[in-house]
Amino acid sequence: MTAPTAGDFDYETHGGGYALRRRTDPRIAAFVHAALGEARTVVNVGAGAGSYEPVGRCVVAVEPSARMRAQRLTGRAQVVAAVAEALPFADGAFAAAMATNTVHQWADLERGLCELRRVSRGPVVLLTFDGDAFDRNWLVEYVPELVAYEQRRMPSIGRIVAALGGTTVVTPVPVPADCCDGFIEAFLGRPECFLDPTIRRAQSPWVFIGPEIVARGVAQLRADLVSGAWDRRHAALRLQNEFTGALRLITAYP
């Protein structure tokens, strides 16, 4: 299992159901929207089904996948079929730019980040994951291959910061225990959720580790939940209000 550098997940084939499971969590959204400042015009690059787009502002979404564009709510934002590396906008066309949980899918990270800088007069705001922090996740006990894949897959925070240049702030974002977004860390205190294939289908790394590995890991997790072994090791997670793991907000200022 060698992780490609980017663009490994086929959203046309596997992207169904993202709008249902990958929803905006308002507490995480508060970090993103605060970082956008007072910007009234925002470009959202790699926008997917539209999670974390601010309301009450003029938003233009950029999304290359037709299947993901089809899941967007009608009337929310203008949608452009394009890629991060070649944004079809003039220099400084927007007061701010944002990209959430997408930079690991770009074919050329540095070029994409340069494009965000080019079209934004103000901040560039990214929500992404720090691969070096994935080993805080107890899933490593059940599917170490998944955690290892994500660690290789995510561009390092240092690489992103270097590409953005200027004044850049990296902020760990706590994940609420009842997070309504469906990424992996949202369920660390709700392990039973990983038994649900519809939840796993909205989390791209499961696709890459192979059905046999997934079946083995899920079966062991199910057995440990029945026997109480998981709770003997991790019951404290069920009582936490939030979990600070790999989720990061990166804000680059002009």
Protein backbone atom coordinates (compact mmCIF):
# COMPACT_ATOMS: atom_id res chain seq x y z
CA MET A 1 0.00 0.00 0.00
CA THR A 2 1.90 3.03 -1.26
CA ALA A 3 -0.06 6.22 -0.83
CA PRO A 4 -0.12 8.52 -3.85
CA THR A 5 0.80 12.11 -3.15
CA ALA A 6 -2.66 13.44 -4.04
CA GLY A 7 -5.88 12.82 -5.92
CA ASP A 8 -6.14 9.20 -4.81
CA PHE A 9 -9.86 9.13 -3.97
CA ASP A 10 -12.33 8.78 -6.85
CA TYR A 11 -15.30 10.89 -5.79
CA GLU A 12 -17.22 10.03 -8.93
CA THR A 13 -17.25 6.37 -7.83
CA HIS A 14 -17.19 6.63 -4.03
CA GLY A 15 -18.53 10.13 -3.32
CA GLY A 16 -22.19 9.24 -2.88
CA GLY A 17 -23.63 10.01 0.54
CA TYR A 18 -21.06 12.62 1.50
CA ALA A 19 -23.70 15.31 1.90
CA LEU A 20 -25.51 13.09 4.42
CA ARG A 21 -22.53 12.08 6.57
CA ARG A 22 -20.09 14.96 6.08
CA ARG A 23 -22.07 17.85 7.45
CA THR A 24 -20.96 21.17 8.91
CA ASP A 25 -20.34 21.03 12.65
CA PRO A 26 -21.14 24.55 13.92
CA ARG A 27 -18.41 24.51 16.57
CA ILE A 28 -15.72 23.69 14.01
CA ALA A 29 -17.30 26.12 11.55
CA ALA A 30 -16.87 28.88 14.13
CA PHE A 31 -13.07 28.51 13.84
CA VAL A 32 -13.22 28.68 10.04
CA HIS A 33 -15.59 31.63 9.85
CA ALA A 34 -13.69 33.62 12.47
CA ALA A 35 -10.49 33.14 10.48
CA LEU A 36 -12.21 34.56 7.38
CA GLY A 37 -12.62 37.81 9.27
CA GLU A 38 -14.94 40.39 7.75
CA ALA A 39 -14.49 39.13 4.19
CA ARG A 40 -17.73 39.46 2.24
CA THR A 41 -16.55 37.59 -0.87
CA VAL A 42 -15.07 34.12 -0.40
CA VAL A 43 -13.88 31.41 -2.79
CA ASN A 44 -14.18 27.87 -1.43
CA VAL A 45 -11.77 25.58 -3.28
CA GLY A 46 -12.31 21.82 -3.31
CA ALA A 47 -15.72 22.65 -1.93
CA GLY A 48 -17.32 19.20 -2.16
CA ALA A 49 -20.94 19.25 -1.05
CA GLY A 50 -20.51 22.64 0.63
CA SER A 51 -19.58 21.93 4.23
CA TYR A 52 -18.31 24.91 6.23
CA GLU A 53 -19.25 27.52 3.63
CA PRO A 54 -20.33 30.66 5.48
CA VAL A 55 -23.86 31.93 5.00
CA GLY A 56 -24.59 35.61 4.57
CA ARG A 57 -21.52 36.15 2.40
CA CYS A 58 -20.98 35.95 -1.35
CA VAL A 59 -19.38 32.52 -1.84
CA VAL A 60 -18.13 30.99 -5.07
CA ALA A 61 -17.44 27.25 -4.79
CA VAL A 62 -14.84 25.43 -6.87
CA GLU A 63 -15.35 21.66 -7.18
CA PRO A 64 -14.03 19.35 -9.94
CA SER A 65 -16.25 16.34 -9.15
CA ALA A 66 -19.66 16.32 -10.83
CA ARG A 67 -20.95 13.84 -8.25
CA MET A 68 -19.99 16.12 -5.40
CA ARG A 69 -21.42 19.19 -7.11
CA ALA A 70 -24.72 17.33 -7.54
CA GLN A 71 -25.01 16.88 -3.75
CA ARG A 72 -24.86 20.59 -2.99
CA LEU A 73 -27.92 22.40 -1.71
CA THR A 74 -29.49 24.49 -4.43
CA GLY A 75 -29.19 28.24 -4.15
CA ARG A 76 -26.33 28.32 -1.65
CA ALA A 77 -23.40 29.38 -3.81
CA GLN A 78 -22.32 29.66 -7.41
CA VAL A 79 -20.37 26.53 -8.34
CA VAL A 80 -17.50 26.40 -10.81
CA ALA A 81 -16.07 23.15 -12.21
CA ALA A 82 -12.33 23.69 -11.87
CA VAL A 83 -9.27 22.52 -9.94
CA ALA A 84 -7.23 24.30 -7.31
CA GLU A 85 -4.14 24.44 -9.50
CA ALA A 86 -5.88 26.55 -12.21
CA LEU A 87 -8.48 28.82 -10.66
CA PRO A 88 -10.40 30.73 -13.35
CA PHE A 89 -10.42 34.04 -11.48
CA ALA A 90 -8.52 37.31 -11.68
CA ASP A 91 -5.83 38.24 -9.19
CA GLY A 92 -7.37 39.45 -5.93
CA ALA A 93 -10.89 38.58 -7.06
CA PHE A 94 -11.99 37.61 -3.53
CA ALA A 95 -11.62 39.08 -0.07
CA ALA A 96 -10.70 35.63 1.31
CA ALA A 97 -10.12 32.05 0.21
CA MET A 98 -10.88 28.81 2.02
CA ALA A 99 -10.32 25.08 1.49
CA THR A 100 -11.55 22.42 3.92
CA ASN A 101 -10.31 18.85 4.06
CA THR A 102 -9.13 18.90 0.47
CA VAL A 103 -5.45 19.82 0.09
CA HIS A 104 -4.37 16.16 0.27
CA GLN A 105 -6.35 15.59 -2.94
CA TRP A 106 -4.60 18.23 -5.02
CA ALA A 107 -2.25 17.07 -7.78
CA ASP A 108 0.17 19.94 -7.11
CA LEU A 109 -0.09 21.25 -3.55
CA GLU A 110 2.26 24.18 -3.95
CA ARG A 111 0.64 25.38 -7.15
CA GLY A 112 -2.84 25.10 -5.61
CA LEU A 113 -1.84 27.09 -2.53
CA CYS A 114 -0.18 29.70 -4.73
CA GLU A 115 -3.46 30.01 -6.64
CA LEU A 116 -5.39 30.57 -3.38
CA ARG A 117 -2.91 33.31 -2.48
CA ARG A 118 -3.26 34.84 -5.95
CA VAL A 119 -7.04 35.16 -5.99
CA SER A 120 -7.40 36.32 -2.36
CA ARG A 121 -6.83 39.89 -1.20
CA GLY A 122 -7.11 38.75 2.40
CA PRO A 123 -6.67 35.57 4.43
CA VAL A 124 -6.33 32.05 3.08
CA VAL A 125 -8.01 29.62 5.50
CA LEU A 126 -7.41 25.87 5.41
CA LEU A 127 -8.95 23.10 7.48
CA THR A 128 -6.81 19.99 7.25
CA PHE A 129 -5.26 17.18 9.28
CA ASP A 130 -1.78 16.80 10.72
CA GLY A 131 -0.62 13.33 9.70
CA ASP A 132 1.95 13.30 12.51
CA ALA A 133 -0.90 13.38 15.06
CA PHE A 134 -2.90 10.46 13.68
CA ASP A 135 -1.22 8.00 16.02
CA ARG A 136 -3.23 9.50 18.90
CA ASN A 137 -6.18 7.64 17.39
CA TRP A 138 -7.10 4.30 19.02
CA LEU A 139 -8.02 2.92 15.58
CA VAL A 140 -4.33 2.13 15.25
CA GLU A 141 -5.06 -0.89 17.49
CA TYR A 142 -7.56 -2.27 14.97
CA VAL A 143 -6.56 -0.97 11.53
CA PRO A 144 -2.94 0.23 11.79
CA GLU A 145 -2.84 0.18 8.01
CA LEU A 146 -5.48 2.92 7.87
CA VAL A 147 -3.60 5.17 10.29
CA ALA A 148 -0.31 4.59 8.43
CA TYR A 149 -1.97 5.39 5.12
CA GLU A 150 -3.34 8.68 6.42
CA GLN A 151 0.03 9.63 7.86
CA ARG A 152 1.66 9.16 4.45
CA ARG A 153 -1.21 10.73 2.57
CA MET A 154 -1.51 14.09 4.30
CA PRO A 155 0.93 16.82 3.29
CA SER A 156 2.88 17.95 6.31
CA ILE A 157 1.84 21.10 8.10
CA GLY A 158 5.36 22.46 7.56
CA ARG A 159 5.07 21.95 3.82
CA ILE A 160 1.74 23.78 3.71
CA VAL A 161 3.05 26.68 5.80
CA ALA A 162 6.15 26.99 3.63
CA ALA A 163 4.06 27.04 0.45
CA LEU A 164 1.70 29.69 1.80
CA GLY A 165 4.51 31.93 2.99
CA GLY A 166 3.97 35.20 4.83
CA THR A 167 2.43 35.25 8.28
CA THR A 168 0.76 31.90 8.93
CA VAL A 169 -0.90 30.65 12.10
CA VAL A 170 -1.59 26.97 12.83
CA THR A 171 -4.34 26.25 15.35
CA PRO A 172 -5.31 22.81 16.72
CA VAL A 173 -9.08 22.46 16.45
CA PRO A 174 -10.85 20.41 19.15
CA VAL A 175 -13.41 17.93 17.84
CA PRO A 176 -16.67 17.86 19.87
CA ALA A 177 -17.66 14.49 21.28
CA ASP A 178 -21.00 14.71 19.44
CA CYS A 179 -19.49 16.16 16.26
CA CYS A 180 -21.98 15.99 13.38
CA ASP A 181 -19.29 15.97 10.71
CA GLY A 182 -18.44 12.41 9.69
CA PHE A 183 -14.64 12.36 9.52
CA ILE A 184 -12.82 9.67 11.47
CA GLU A 185 -11.92 11.66 14.59
CA ALA A 186 -15.56 12.66 15.05
CA PHE A 187 -16.31 9.16 16.36
CA LEU A 188 -13.41 8.48 18.72
CA GLY A 189 -15.76 8.50 21.71
CA ARG A 190 -18.48 6.63 19.80
CA PRO A 191 -16.69 3.48 18.62
CA GLU A 192 -19.89 1.66 17.68
CA CYS A 193 -20.26 4.06 14.76
CA PHE A 194 -17.32 2.46 12.95
CA LEU A 195 -19.37 -0.72 12.65
CA ASP A 196 -21.73 1.16 10.30
CA PRO A 197 -20.58 0.80 6.67
CA THR A 198 -22.40 3.97 5.63
CA ILE A 199 -20.22 5.94 8.04
CA ARG A 200 -17.04 4.28 6.78
CA ARG A 201 -18.02 4.98 3.16
CA ALA A 202 -17.90 8.71 3.90
CA GLN A 203 -14.32 8.36 5.19
CA SER A 204 -12.03 7.92 2.21
CA PRO A 205 -9.06 6.01 3.73
CA TRP A 206 -11.13 2.84 4.27
CA VAL A 207 -11.22 2.41 0.49
CA PHE A 208 -7.45 2.06 0.25
CA ILE A 209 -6.59 -0.55 2.86
CA GLY A 210 -8.47 -3.45 1.29
CA PRO A 211 -11.71 -5.24 2.24
CA GLU A 212 -9.93 -8.04 4.09
CA ILE A 213 -8.14 -5.59 6.39
CA VAL A 214 -11.36 -3.64 6.96
CA ALA A 215 -13.30 -6.81 7.77
CA ARG A 216 -10.62 -7.97 10.22
CA GLY A 217 -10.44 -4.64 12.02
CA VAL A 218 -14.21 -4.19 12.23
CA ALA A 219 -14.67 -7.75 13.50
CA GLN A 220 -12.08 -7.21 16.24
CA LEU A 221 -13.67 -3.91 17.24
CA ARG A 222 -17.11 -5.52 17.40
CA ALA A 223 -15.74 -8.33 19.58
CA ASP A 224 -14.00 -5.87 21.92
CA LEU A 225 -17.16 -3.79 22.28
CA VAL A 226 -19.17 -6.89 23.16
CA SER A 227 -16.58 -8.16 25.64
CA GLY A 228 -15.95 -4.73 27.16
CA ALA A 229 -12.26 -4.78 26.20
CA TRP A 230 -12.52 -1.49 24.30
CA ASP A 231 -14.12 0.26 27.27
CA ARG A 232 -11.52 -1.08 29.67
CA ARG A 233 -8.87 0.72 27.60
CA HIS A 234 -10.71 3.79 26.34
CA ALA A 235 -13.88 4.40 28.38
CA ALA A 236 -12.64 7.89 29.34
CA LEU A 237 -13.20 9.00 25.73
CA ARG A 238 -16.93 8.46 26.15
CA LEU A 239 -16.93 11.07 28.93
CA GLN A 240 -14.86 13.77 27.22
CA ASN A 241 -16.61 16.81 25.81
CA GLU A 242 -14.05 17.12 23.02
CA PHE A 243 -10.91 15.55 21.60
CA THR A 244 -7.87 17.38 20.27
CA GLY A 245 -6.18 15.19 17.72
CA ALA A 246 -5.09 15.87 14.14
CA LEU A 247 -7.55 18.53 12.98
CA ARG A 248 -5.80 21.84 12.21
CA LEU A 249 -6.85 25.30 11.07
CA ILE A 250 -4.17 27.08 9.04
CA THR A 251 -4.65 30.80 8.47
CA ALA A 252 -2.29 32.67 6.14
CA TYR A 253 -2.48 36.43 6.21
CA PRO A 254 -1.58 38.77 3.31
